[in-house]
């Protein structure tokens, strides 16, 4: 039962990650990211790390995905994406090379990883405070302090970039609408002569 639960969550996480990077619709990509986050939270529950599972749901599913959806709605989900003329063959080759590199790295880590002294009949027992808020906080603000601060800086840069892109697009839309309005004003109506460059209306012959 435990193995089936693990493989189910792992498969859903992989499918969600693939949908995130392969979906052409940004909203579907965000839904794939949500599926991956929920699956990873399920894996944390399988490891008896309830606090990490709760943080995964609250921070990522409840905040990051909602932020992505707000940015997508702000930029427009139906924005046209440039067509890729290179075809699918380079993508397939790149994905195959990336997968082979990942499998090779996993094989190296498994072969050179630390060997447990416990026999095949049992596994090392976890610490008594494993998964608690106290143990997680001590590790987070000691060993993981630098990655934690870097991730917060990365999120701040992403927010600033999204706001800058949205403001640039809004200004370009204003310029286009202003040019269209000016062009519509210069178009002569029925029975009206066009205006000259100085703004003086010439009389129709």
N, C-alpha and C. Protein backbone atom coordinates (compact mmCIF):
# COMPACT_ATOMS: atom_id res chain seq x y z
N UNK A 1 0.82 -1.21 0.00
CA UNK A 1 0.00 0.00 0.00
C UNK A 1 0.86 1.26 0.00
N UNK A 2 1.94 1.22 0.81
CA UNK A 2 2.83 2.38 0.86
C UNK A 2 3.52 2.63 -0.46
N UNK A 3 3.96 1.55 -1.13
CA UNK A 3 4.62 1.71 -2.42
C UNK A 3 3.64 2.25 -3.47
N UNK A 4 2.42 1.76 -3.45
CA UNK A 4 1.41 2.23 -4.41
C UNK A 4 1.14 3.72 -4.21
N UNK A 5 1.05 4.15 -2.96
CA UNK A 5 0.82 5.57 -2.67
C UNK A 5 2.00 6.41 -3.15
N UNK A 6 3.23 5.92 -2.90
CA UNK A 6 4.41 6.66 -3.33
C UNK A 6 4.46 6.78 -4.85
N UNK A 7 4.26 5.67 -5.56
CA UNK A 7 4.32 5.71 -7.02
C UNK A 7 3.20 6.56 -7.60
N UNK A 8 2.04 6.58 -6.97
CA UNK A 8 0.94 7.42 -7.45
C UNK A 8 1.30 8.90 -7.33
N UNK A 9 1.80 9.29 -6.15
CA UNK A 9 2.17 10.69 -5.96
C UNK A 9 3.34 11.09 -6.87
N UNK A 10 4.32 10.18 -7.01
CA UNK A 10 5.46 10.50 -7.87
C UNK A 10 5.04 10.64 -9.32
N UNK A 11 4.16 9.75 -9.79
CA UNK A 11 3.70 9.84 -11.18
C UNK A 11 2.91 11.11 -11.42
N UNK A 12 2.04 11.47 -10.48
CA UNK A 12 1.27 12.71 -10.64
C UNK A 12 2.18 13.94 -10.60
N UNK A 13 3.22 13.90 -9.78
CA UNK A 13 4.16 15.03 -9.73
C UNK A 13 4.90 15.18 -11.04
N UNK A 14 5.33 14.07 -11.62
CA UNK A 14 6.04 14.13 -12.91
C UNK A 14 5.11 14.62 -14.01
N UNK A 15 3.89 14.10 -14.04
CA UNK A 15 2.92 14.55 -15.05
C UNK A 15 2.60 16.04 -14.89
N UNK A 16 2.46 16.49 -13.65
CA UNK A 16 2.21 17.91 -13.43
C UNK A 16 3.37 18.78 -13.87
N UNK A 17 4.61 18.32 -13.63
CA UNK A 17 5.78 19.09 -14.06
C UNK A 17 5.86 19.15 -15.58
N UNK A 18 5.56 18.03 -16.25
CA UNK A 18 5.58 18.03 -17.72
C UNK A 18 4.49 18.96 -18.26
N UNK A 19 3.31 18.91 -17.66
CA UNK A 19 2.23 19.80 -18.11
C UNK A 19 2.57 21.26 -17.87
N UNK A 20 3.34 21.55 -16.82
CA UNK A 20 3.70 22.94 -16.53
C UNK A 20 4.59 23.52 -17.62
N UNK A 21 5.56 22.75 -18.08
CA UNK A 21 6.52 23.28 -19.06
C UNK A 21 6.08 23.04 -20.50
N UNK A 22 5.12 22.15 -20.73
CA UNK A 22 4.73 21.82 -22.10
C UNK A 22 3.40 22.44 -22.52
N UNK A 23 2.61 22.94 -21.58
CA UNK A 23 1.30 23.48 -21.93
C UNK A 23 1.46 24.81 -22.65
N UNK A 24 0.73 24.98 -23.75
CA UNK A 24 0.75 26.24 -24.49
C UNK A 24 -0.13 27.30 -23.82
N UNK A 25 -1.18 26.85 -23.15
CA UNK A 25 -2.05 27.78 -22.43
C UNK A 25 -1.46 28.05 -21.05
N UNK A 26 -1.20 29.30 -20.67
CA UNK A 26 -0.59 29.57 -19.35
C UNK A 26 -1.44 29.09 -18.19
N UNK A 27 -2.76 29.15 -18.32
CA UNK A 27 -3.62 28.72 -17.23
C UNK A 27 -3.50 27.21 -17.02
N UNK A 28 -3.43 26.45 -18.11
CA UNK A 28 -3.22 25.01 -17.98
C UNK A 28 -1.85 24.71 -17.37
N UNK A 29 -0.85 25.51 -17.71
CA UNK A 29 0.45 25.34 -17.08
C UNK A 29 0.40 25.58 -15.59
N UNK A 30 -0.36 26.59 -15.16
CA UNK A 30 -0.52 26.85 -13.73
C UNK A 30 -1.26 25.70 -13.04
N UNK A 31 -2.23 25.12 -13.73
CA UNK A 31 -2.94 23.97 -13.15
C UNK A 31 -2.01 22.75 -13.03
N UNK A 32 -1.12 22.58 -14.01
CA UNK A 32 -0.12 21.51 -13.90
C UNK A 32 0.81 21.74 -12.73
N UNK A 33 1.20 23.01 -12.50
CA UNK A 33 2.03 23.33 -11.34
C UNK A 33 1.30 23.02 -10.04
N UNK A 34 0.00 23.31 -10.00
CA UNK A 34 -0.79 23.00 -8.81
C UNK A 34 -0.85 21.50 -8.56
N UNK A 35 -1.01 20.71 -9.62
CA UNK A 35 -1.01 19.25 -9.47
C UNK A 35 0.32 18.75 -8.93
N UNK A 36 1.42 19.31 -9.42
CA UNK A 36 2.73 18.90 -8.94
C UNK A 36 2.91 19.25 -7.46
N UNK A 37 2.46 20.43 -7.06
CA UNK A 37 2.60 20.85 -5.67
C UNK A 37 1.79 19.95 -4.74
N UNK A 38 0.57 19.62 -5.14
CA UNK A 38 -0.25 18.73 -4.32
C UNK A 38 0.37 17.34 -4.21
N UNK A 39 0.96 16.85 -5.29
CA UNK A 39 1.60 15.53 -5.26
C UNK A 39 2.82 15.53 -4.35
N UNK A 40 3.59 16.62 -4.38
CA UNK A 40 4.76 16.71 -3.49
C UNK A 40 4.31 16.79 -2.03
N UNK A 41 3.21 17.48 -1.78
CA UNK A 41 2.67 17.49 -0.41
C UNK A 41 2.26 16.09 0.03
N UNK A 42 1.72 15.30 -0.89
CA UNK A 42 1.40 13.91 -0.57
C UNK A 42 2.65 13.10 -0.25
N UNK A 43 3.75 13.37 -0.95
CA UNK A 43 5.01 12.67 -0.64
C UNK A 43 5.53 13.07 0.74
N UNK A 44 5.38 14.33 1.11
CA UNK A 44 5.77 14.75 2.45
C UNK A 44 4.94 14.04 3.52
N UNK A 45 3.65 13.86 3.25
CA UNK A 45 2.82 13.12 4.20
C UNK A 45 3.27 11.67 4.32
N UNK A 46 3.71 11.08 3.20
CA UNK A 46 4.21 9.71 3.26
C UNK A 46 5.47 9.61 4.10
N UNK A 47 6.24 10.68 4.19
CA UNK A 47 7.45 10.70 5.01
C UNK A 47 7.18 11.14 6.45
N UNK A 48 5.90 11.27 6.82
CA UNK A 48 5.49 11.70 8.16
C UNK A 48 6.00 13.10 8.48
N UNK A 49 6.12 13.94 7.45
CA UNK A 49 6.51 15.34 7.64
C UNK A 49 5.27 16.20 7.42
N UNK A 50 4.41 16.21 8.42
CA UNK A 50 3.14 16.92 8.28
C UNK A 50 3.33 18.43 8.16
N UNK A 51 4.33 18.96 8.86
CA UNK A 51 4.54 20.40 8.79
C UNK A 51 4.99 20.83 7.40
N UNK A 52 5.89 20.07 6.80
CA UNK A 52 6.33 20.39 5.44
C UNK A 52 5.18 20.27 4.44
N UNK A 53 4.32 19.29 4.63
CA UNK A 53 3.16 19.15 3.74
C UNK A 53 2.23 20.35 3.88
N UNK A 54 2.01 20.80 5.12
CA UNK A 54 1.15 21.96 5.32
C UNK A 54 1.75 23.22 4.72
N UNK A 55 3.07 23.40 4.90
CA UNK A 55 3.74 24.56 4.30
C UNK A 55 3.68 24.49 2.79
N UNK A 56 3.83 23.29 2.23
CA UNK A 56 3.75 23.12 0.79
C UNK A 56 2.38 23.57 0.26
N UNK A 57 1.34 23.23 0.97
CA UNK A 57 -0.01 23.60 0.53
C UNK A 57 -0.29 25.08 0.76
N UNK A 58 0.13 25.60 1.93
CA UNK A 58 -0.20 26.99 2.26
C UNK A 58 0.60 27.97 1.41
N UNK A 59 1.92 27.73 1.32
CA UNK A 59 2.79 28.70 0.65
C UNK A 59 2.70 28.55 -0.87
N UNK A 60 2.87 27.33 -1.37
CA UNK A 60 2.94 27.16 -2.82
C UNK A 60 1.55 27.11 -3.46
N UNK A 61 0.71 26.20 -2.98
CA UNK A 61 -0.62 26.09 -3.59
C UNK A 61 -1.50 27.28 -3.25
N UNK A 62 -1.35 27.83 -2.05
CA UNK A 62 -2.22 28.91 -1.64
C UNK A 62 -1.72 30.29 -1.96
N UNK A 63 -0.43 30.45 -2.25
CA UNK A 63 0.11 31.79 -2.50
C UNK A 63 0.80 31.88 -3.86
N UNK A 64 1.74 30.98 -4.14
CA UNK A 64 2.52 31.10 -5.37
C UNK A 64 1.64 30.86 -6.59
N UNK A 65 0.83 29.81 -6.57
CA UNK A 65 -0.03 29.52 -7.73
C UNK A 65 -1.05 30.63 -7.93
N UNK A 66 -1.59 31.16 -6.83
CA UNK A 66 -2.53 32.29 -6.94
C UNK A 66 -1.83 33.51 -7.52
N UNK A 67 -0.58 33.75 -7.11
CA UNK A 67 0.19 34.85 -7.68
C UNK A 67 0.41 34.66 -9.17
N UNK A 68 0.75 33.44 -9.58
CA UNK A 68 0.93 33.16 -11.00
C UNK A 68 -0.36 33.42 -11.77
N UNK A 69 -1.49 33.00 -11.21
CA UNK A 69 -2.77 33.21 -11.89
C UNK A 69 -3.08 34.70 -12.01
N UNK A 70 -2.77 35.48 -10.98
CA UNK A 70 -2.98 36.92 -11.06
C UNK A 70 -2.11 37.53 -12.16
N UNK A 71 -0.85 37.10 -12.24
CA UNK A 71 0.04 37.62 -13.28
C UNK A 71 -0.45 37.22 -14.66
N UNK A 72 -0.92 35.97 -14.80
CA UNK A 72 -1.43 35.52 -16.10
C UNK A 72 -2.65 36.33 -16.50
N UNK A 73 -3.56 36.56 -15.57
CA UNK A 73 -4.74 37.37 -15.88
C UNK A 73 -4.36 38.81 -16.18
N UNK A 74 -3.31 39.31 -15.53
CA UNK A 74 -2.88 40.69 -15.78
C UNK A 74 -2.27 40.84 -17.16
N UNK A 75 -1.46 39.86 -17.55
CA UNK A 75 -0.83 39.92 -18.87
C UNK A 75 -1.75 39.48 -19.98
N UNK A 76 -2.77 38.68 -19.65
CA UNK A 76 -3.69 38.20 -20.67
C UNK A 76 -3.41 36.76 -21.01
N UNK A 77 -4.33 35.83 -20.74
CA UNK A 77 -4.08 34.41 -21.03
C UNK A 77 -4.06 34.08 -22.50
N UNK A 78 -4.66 34.95 -23.34
CA UNK A 78 -4.73 34.67 -24.77
C UNK A 78 -3.67 35.40 -25.56
N UNK A 79 -2.60 35.82 -24.88
CA UNK A 79 -1.54 36.51 -25.61
C UNK A 79 -0.86 35.56 -26.58
N UNK A 80 -0.59 36.05 -27.76
CA UNK A 80 0.00 35.21 -28.80
C UNK A 80 1.45 34.96 -28.49
N UNK A 81 1.89 33.73 -28.65
CA UNK A 81 3.27 33.34 -28.43
C UNK A 81 3.97 33.17 -29.76
N UNK A 82 5.24 33.54 -29.87
CA UNK A 82 5.94 33.40 -31.14
C UNK A 82 6.07 31.94 -31.53
N UNK A 83 5.86 31.68 -32.79
CA UNK A 83 5.93 30.30 -33.29
C UNK A 83 7.37 29.84 -33.37
N UNK A 84 7.59 28.61 -32.99
CA UNK A 84 8.92 28.01 -33.03
C UNK A 84 9.09 27.30 -34.36
N UNK A 85 10.00 27.79 -35.18
CA UNK A 85 10.21 27.24 -36.51
C UNK A 85 11.20 26.09 -36.52
N UNK A 86 11.79 25.80 -35.41
CA UNK A 86 12.80 24.73 -35.38
C UNK A 86 12.19 23.35 -35.41
N UNK A 87 10.90 23.25 -35.11
CA UNK A 87 10.26 21.94 -35.16
C UNK A 87 10.38 21.20 -33.85
N UNK A 88 9.87 19.98 -33.86
CA UNK A 88 9.84 19.18 -32.64
C UNK A 88 11.09 18.33 -32.44
N UNK A 89 11.84 18.09 -33.49
CA UNK A 89 13.01 17.20 -33.37
C UNK A 89 14.04 17.76 -32.38
N UNK A 90 14.43 19.04 -32.45
CA UNK A 90 15.37 19.53 -31.43
C UNK A 90 14.82 19.45 -30.02
N UNK A 91 13.51 19.64 -29.87
CA UNK A 91 12.93 19.53 -28.53
C UNK A 91 13.04 18.10 -28.00
N UNK A 92 12.72 17.14 -28.88
CA UNK A 92 12.79 15.74 -28.46
C UNK A 92 14.23 15.36 -28.11
N UNK A 93 15.17 15.82 -28.93
CA UNK A 93 16.58 15.52 -28.65
C UNK A 93 17.02 16.15 -27.33
N UNK A 94 16.62 17.41 -27.10
CA UNK A 94 16.98 18.08 -25.85
C UNK A 94 16.36 17.40 -24.64
N UNK A 95 15.09 16.99 -24.77
CA UNK A 95 14.44 16.30 -23.65
C UNK A 95 15.10 14.95 -23.38
N UNK A 96 15.48 14.23 -24.45
CA UNK A 96 16.16 12.95 -24.26
C UNK A 96 17.51 13.11 -23.59
N UNK A 97 18.29 14.13 -24.01
CA UNK A 97 19.59 14.37 -23.38
C UNK A 97 19.42 14.78 -21.92
N UNK A 98 18.42 15.61 -21.65
CA UNK A 98 18.19 16.03 -20.26
C UNK A 98 17.77 14.85 -19.40
N UNK A 99 16.90 13.98 -19.93
CA UNK A 99 16.49 12.80 -19.17
C UNK A 99 17.64 11.84 -18.93
N UNK A 100 18.49 11.65 -19.96
CA UNK A 100 19.65 10.77 -19.79
C UNK A 100 20.61 11.32 -18.75
N UNK A 101 20.81 12.65 -18.77
CA UNK A 101 21.69 13.25 -17.76
C UNK A 101 21.11 13.10 -16.36
N UNK A 102 19.79 13.25 -16.23
CA UNK A 102 19.16 13.07 -14.92
C UNK A 102 19.27 11.64 -14.42
N UNK A 103 19.04 10.67 -15.31
CA UNK A 103 19.18 9.26 -14.90
C UNK A 103 20.62 8.94 -14.53
N UNK A 104 21.58 9.49 -15.29
CA UNK A 104 22.98 9.26 -14.95
C UNK A 104 23.35 9.85 -13.60
N UNK A 105 22.84 11.06 -13.31
CA UNK A 105 23.12 11.66 -12.00
C UNK A 105 22.50 10.84 -10.87
N UNK A 106 21.28 10.33 -11.09
CA UNK A 106 20.65 9.49 -10.07
C UNK A 106 21.44 8.21 -9.85
N UNK A 107 21.93 7.60 -10.94
CA UNK A 107 22.72 6.37 -10.80
C UNK A 107 24.00 6.62 -10.02
N UNK A 108 24.65 7.76 -10.30
CA UNK A 108 25.89 8.08 -9.58
C UNK A 108 25.60 8.32 -8.10
N UNK A 109 24.52 9.04 -7.79
CA UNK A 109 24.19 9.30 -6.39
C UNK A 109 23.83 8.03 -5.65
N UNK A 110 23.11 7.12 -6.32
CA UNK A 110 22.74 5.87 -5.66
C UNK A 110 23.95 4.99 -5.42
N UNK A 111 24.87 4.96 -6.39
CA UNK A 111 26.03 4.08 -6.26
C UNK A 111 27.06 4.61 -5.28
N UNK A 112 27.19 5.92 -5.17
CA UNK A 112 28.20 6.52 -4.29
C UNK A 112 27.62 7.08 -3.01
N UNK A 113 26.32 6.86 -2.75
CA UNK A 113 25.68 7.40 -1.55
C UNK A 113 26.12 6.67 -0.30
N UNK A 114 25.75 7.22 0.83
CA UNK A 114 26.13 6.57 2.10
C UNK A 114 25.41 5.24 2.28
N UNK A 115 26.15 4.27 2.73
CA UNK A 115 25.60 2.93 2.96
C UNK A 115 25.13 2.81 4.41
N UNK A 116 23.94 2.32 4.57
CA UNK A 116 23.39 2.15 5.91
C UNK A 116 23.95 0.89 6.56
N UNK A 117 24.16 0.96 7.86
CA UNK A 117 24.66 -0.20 8.59
C UNK A 117 23.54 -1.11 9.06
N UNK A 118 22.30 -0.69 8.84
CA UNK A 118 21.17 -1.52 9.24
C UNK A 118 20.97 -2.62 8.21
N UNK A 119 20.65 -3.80 8.68
CA UNK A 119 20.45 -4.93 7.78
C UNK A 119 19.18 -4.78 6.97
N UNK A 120 18.91 -5.73 6.08
CA UNK A 120 17.72 -5.64 5.24
C UNK A 120 16.42 -5.79 6.00
N UNK A 121 16.50 -6.23 7.27
CA UNK A 121 15.26 -6.44 8.02
C UNK A 121 14.66 -5.14 8.54
N UNK A 122 15.44 -4.07 8.60
CA UNK A 122 14.92 -2.83 9.16
C UNK A 122 15.58 -1.61 8.56
N UNK A 123 15.09 -0.46 8.95
CA UNK A 123 15.59 0.82 8.46
C UNK A 123 16.00 1.66 9.66
N UNK A 124 16.88 2.65 9.44
CA UNK A 124 17.25 3.53 10.56
C UNK A 124 16.03 4.27 11.08
N UNK A 125 15.86 4.27 12.38
CA UNK A 125 14.71 4.95 12.97
C UNK A 125 14.93 6.46 12.92
N UNK A 126 13.91 7.23 12.55
CA UNK A 126 14.07 8.69 12.50
C UNK A 126 14.18 9.28 13.89
N UNK A 127 14.62 10.51 13.94
CA UNK A 127 14.75 11.20 15.23
C UNK A 127 13.38 11.43 15.84
N UNK A 128 13.38 11.64 17.15
CA UNK A 128 12.10 11.79 17.84
C UNK A 128 11.37 13.07 17.45
N UNK A 129 12.13 14.12 17.08
CA UNK A 129 11.51 15.38 16.70
C UNK A 129 11.43 15.56 15.19
N UNK A 130 11.49 14.45 14.44
CA UNK A 130 11.45 14.55 12.98
C UNK A 130 10.10 15.09 12.53
N UNK A 131 10.15 16.10 11.66
CA UNK A 131 8.92 16.69 11.13
C UNK A 131 8.29 17.74 12.01
N UNK A 132 8.87 18.01 13.18
CA UNK A 132 8.28 19.01 14.06
C UNK A 132 8.69 20.42 13.62
N UNK A 133 7.96 21.40 14.11
CA UNK A 133 8.25 22.79 13.75
C UNK A 133 9.59 23.23 14.32
N UNK A 134 9.92 22.77 15.52
CA UNK A 134 11.18 23.16 16.16
C UNK A 134 12.38 22.65 15.37
N UNK A 135 12.35 21.37 15.00
CA UNK A 135 13.47 20.81 14.24
C UNK A 135 13.58 21.45 12.87
N UNK A 136 12.45 21.68 12.22
CA UNK A 136 12.48 22.31 10.90
C UNK A 136 13.03 23.73 10.97
N UNK A 137 12.61 24.49 11.99
CA UNK A 137 13.10 25.86 12.12
C UNK A 137 14.59 25.93 12.40
N UNK A 138 15.10 25.01 13.21
CA UNK A 138 16.53 25.00 13.49
C UNK A 138 17.35 24.72 12.23
N UNK A 139 16.90 23.76 11.43
CA UNK A 139 17.63 23.45 10.20
C UNK A 139 17.48 24.57 9.17
N UNK A 140 16.27 25.15 9.08
CA UNK A 140 16.02 26.18 8.08
C UNK A 140 16.87 27.42 8.30
N UNK A 141 16.98 27.86 9.55
CA UNK A 141 17.70 29.09 9.84
C UNK A 141 19.15 28.85 10.24
N UNK A 142 19.65 27.65 10.03
CA UNK A 142 21.08 27.38 10.24
C UNK A 142 21.71 26.89 8.94
N UNK A 143 21.36 25.70 8.51
CA UNK A 143 21.93 25.15 7.28
C UNK A 143 21.27 25.72 6.02
N UNK A 144 19.98 26.00 6.09
CA UNK A 144 19.28 26.47 4.90
C UNK A 144 18.99 27.95 4.88
N UNK A 145 19.76 28.75 5.63
CA UNK A 145 19.48 30.18 5.67
C UNK A 145 19.77 30.85 4.33
N UNK A 146 20.91 30.53 3.72
CA UNK A 146 21.27 31.16 2.44
C UNK A 146 20.30 30.78 1.32
N UNK A 147 19.97 29.49 1.12
CA UNK A 147 18.95 29.17 0.10
C UNK A 147 17.60 29.81 0.37
N UNK A 148 17.23 29.94 1.64
CA UNK A 148 15.95 30.57 1.98
C UNK A 148 15.93 32.03 1.56
N UNK A 149 17.00 32.76 1.84
CA UNK A 149 17.07 34.17 1.46
C UNK A 149 17.16 34.32 -0.06
N UNK A 150 17.89 33.42 -0.72
CA UNK A 150 17.98 33.50 -2.18
C UNK A 150 16.63 33.25 -2.84
N UNK A 151 15.87 32.32 -2.30
CA UNK A 151 14.54 32.05 -2.87
C UNK A 151 13.62 33.25 -2.68
N UNK A 152 13.69 33.92 -1.53
CA UNK A 152 12.86 35.11 -1.33
C UNK A 152 13.27 36.23 -2.28
N UNK A 153 14.59 36.39 -2.51
CA UNK A 153 15.04 37.40 -3.48
C UNK A 153 14.59 37.06 -4.89
N UNK A 154 14.60 35.76 -5.23
CA UNK A 154 14.14 35.34 -6.56
C UNK A 154 12.67 35.65 -6.76
N UNK A 155 11.86 35.41 -5.75
CA UNK A 155 10.43 35.73 -5.85
C UNK A 155 10.21 37.24 -5.98
N UNK A 156 11.01 38.04 -5.27
CA UNK A 156 10.87 39.48 -5.38
C UNK A 156 11.23 39.96 -6.79
N UNK A 157 12.30 39.40 -7.36
CA UNK A 157 12.68 39.77 -8.73
C UNK A 157 11.60 39.37 -9.73
N UNK A 158 10.98 38.20 -9.52
CA UNK A 158 9.91 37.77 -10.42
C UNK A 158 8.71 38.70 -10.34
N UNK A 159 8.35 39.16 -9.15
CA UNK A 159 7.23 40.09 -9.00
C UNK A 159 7.54 41.42 -9.68
N UNK A 160 8.76 41.94 -9.47
CA UNK A 160 9.14 43.21 -10.09
C UNK A 160 9.14 43.07 -11.62
N UNK A 161 9.65 41.95 -12.13
CA UNK A 161 9.64 41.74 -13.58
C UNK A 161 8.24 41.66 -14.15
N UNK A 162 7.33 40.99 -13.44
CA UNK A 162 5.95 40.90 -13.92
C UNK A 162 5.29 42.28 -13.95
N UNK A 163 5.54 43.10 -12.92
CA UNK A 163 4.96 44.45 -12.91
C UNK A 163 5.55 45.29 -14.03
N UNK A 164 6.87 45.17 -14.28
CA UNK A 164 7.49 45.95 -15.35
C UNK A 164 6.95 45.56 -16.72
N UNK A 165 6.78 44.26 -16.94
CA UNK A 165 6.23 43.80 -18.22
C UNK A 165 4.79 44.28 -18.40
N UNK A 166 4.00 44.22 -17.33
CA UNK A 166 2.61 44.68 -17.44
C UNK A 166 2.53 46.18 -17.70
N UNK A 167 3.38 46.98 -17.06
CA UNK A 167 3.37 48.42 -17.30
C UNK A 167 3.82 48.75 -18.72
N UNK A 168 4.84 48.04 -19.21
CA UNK A 168 5.29 48.28 -20.59
C UNK A 168 4.22 47.95 -21.60
N UNK A 169 3.50 46.86 -21.36
CA UNK A 169 2.43 46.49 -22.29
C UNK A 169 1.28 47.49 -22.23
N UNK A 170 0.99 48.00 -21.02
CA UNK A 170 -0.09 48.98 -20.89
C UNK A 170 0.26 50.27 -21.64
N UNK A 171 1.52 50.71 -21.55
CA UNK A 171 1.93 51.91 -22.26
C UNK A 171 1.87 51.72 -23.77
N UNK A 172 2.30 50.54 -24.25
CA UNK A 172 2.23 50.28 -25.69
C UNK A 172 0.80 50.25 -26.18
N UNK A 173 -0.11 49.71 -25.38
CA UNK A 173 -1.53 49.72 -25.76
C UNK A 173 -2.08 51.13 -25.81
N UNK A 174 -1.64 52.00 -24.90
CA UNK A 174 -2.09 53.38 -24.93
C UNK A 174 -1.58 54.10 -26.17
N UNK A 175 -0.32 53.84 -26.55
CA UNK A 175 0.22 54.47 -27.76
C UNK A 175 -0.53 54.01 -28.99
N UNK A 176 -0.83 52.71 -29.07
CA UNK A 176 -1.55 52.18 -30.23
C UNK A 176 -2.95 52.76 -30.30
N UNK A 177 -3.64 52.83 -29.16
CA UNK A 177 -5.00 53.38 -29.16
C UNK A 177 -5.00 54.86 -29.50
N UNK A 178 -3.98 55.61 -29.03
CA UNK A 178 -3.88 57.02 -29.38
C UNK A 178 -3.64 57.24 -30.85
N UNK A 179 -2.77 56.41 -31.44
CA UNK A 179 -2.52 56.51 -32.88
C UNK A 179 -3.77 56.17 -33.68
N UNK A 180 -4.51 55.16 -33.24
CA UNK A 180 -5.75 54.80 -33.95
C UNK A 180 -6.79 55.90 -33.85
N UNK A 181 -6.88 56.56 -32.68
CA UNK A 181 -7.83 57.67 -32.53
C UNK A 181 -7.46 58.84 -33.42
N UNK A 182 -6.16 59.17 -33.48
CA UNK A 182 -5.71 60.26 -34.34
C UNK A 182 -5.97 59.96 -35.81
N UNK A 183 -5.74 58.72 -36.20
CA UNK A 183 -6.00 58.34 -37.58
C UNK A 183 -7.48 58.41 -37.90
N UNK A 184 -8.32 58.01 -36.94
CA UNK A 184 -9.77 58.09 -37.17
C UNK A 184 -10.25 59.52 -37.28
N UNK A 185 -9.62 60.44 -36.54
CA UNK A 185 -10.01 61.84 -36.64
C UNK A 185 -9.60 62.45 -37.97
N UNK A 186 -8.51 61.98 -38.56
CA UNK A 186 -8.03 62.53 -39.82
C UNK A 186 -8.74 61.96 -41.03
N UNK A 187 -9.49 60.87 -40.84
CA UNK A 187 -10.21 60.29 -41.98
C UNK A 187 -11.39 61.19 -42.33
N UNK A 188 -11.52 61.66 -43.58
CA UNK A 188 -12.64 62.56 -43.93
C UNK A 188 -13.95 61.82 -43.97
N UNK A 189 -14.98 62.47 -43.45
CA UNK A 189 -16.31 61.91 -43.51
C UNK A 189 -16.96 62.26 -44.85
N UNK A 190 -18.16 61.78 -45.05
CA UNK A 190 -18.86 62.03 -46.31
C UNK A 190 -19.19 63.51 -46.44
N UNK A 191 -18.76 64.13 -47.55
CA UNK A 191 -19.00 65.54 -47.79
C UNK A 191 -18.05 66.46 -47.10
N UNK A 192 -16.97 65.92 -46.48
CA UNK A 192 -16.01 66.75 -45.77
C UNK A 192 -14.64 66.55 -46.39
N UNK A 193 -13.95 67.66 -46.64
CA UNK A 193 -12.63 67.59 -47.26
C UNK A 193 -11.59 67.21 -46.23
N UNK A 194 -10.52 66.55 -46.62
CA UNK A 194 -9.47 66.19 -45.67
C UNK A 194 -8.73 67.40 -45.17
N UNK A 195 -8.17 67.27 -43.97
CA UNK A 195 -7.42 68.35 -43.38
C UNK A 195 -6.00 68.37 -43.91
N UNK A 196 -5.44 69.56 -43.99
CA UNK A 196 -4.06 69.69 -44.41
C UNK A 196 -3.15 69.49 -43.22
N UNK A 197 -1.84 69.60 -43.46
CA UNK A 197 -0.88 69.38 -42.38
C UNK A 197 -0.99 70.45 -41.32
N UNK A 198 -1.40 71.68 -41.70
CA UNK A 198 -1.52 72.76 -40.73
C UNK A 198 -2.81 72.76 -39.98
N UNK A 199 -3.68 71.82 -40.25
CA UNK A 199 -4.95 71.74 -39.54
C UNK A 199 -6.06 72.52 -40.21
N UNK A 200 -5.81 73.17 -41.37
CA UNK A 200 -6.83 73.96 -42.07
C UNK A 200 -7.57 73.05 -43.01
N UNK A 201 -8.88 73.08 -42.94
CA UNK A 201 -9.69 72.23 -43.80
C UNK A 201 -9.84 72.87 -45.17
N UNK A 202 -9.46 72.13 -46.15
CA UNK A 202 -9.61 72.62 -47.52
C UNK A 202 -11.04 72.41 -48.00
N UNK A 203 -11.50 73.37 -48.77
CA UNK A 203 -12.86 73.27 -49.28
C UNK A 203 -12.91 72.25 -50.40
N UNK A 204 -13.96 71.47 -50.38
CA UNK A 204 -14.13 70.47 -51.43
C UNK A 204 -14.50 71.14 -52.73
N UNK A 205 -13.96 70.71 -53.86
CA UNK A 205 -14.29 71.33 -55.15
C UNK A 205 -15.75 71.07 -55.52
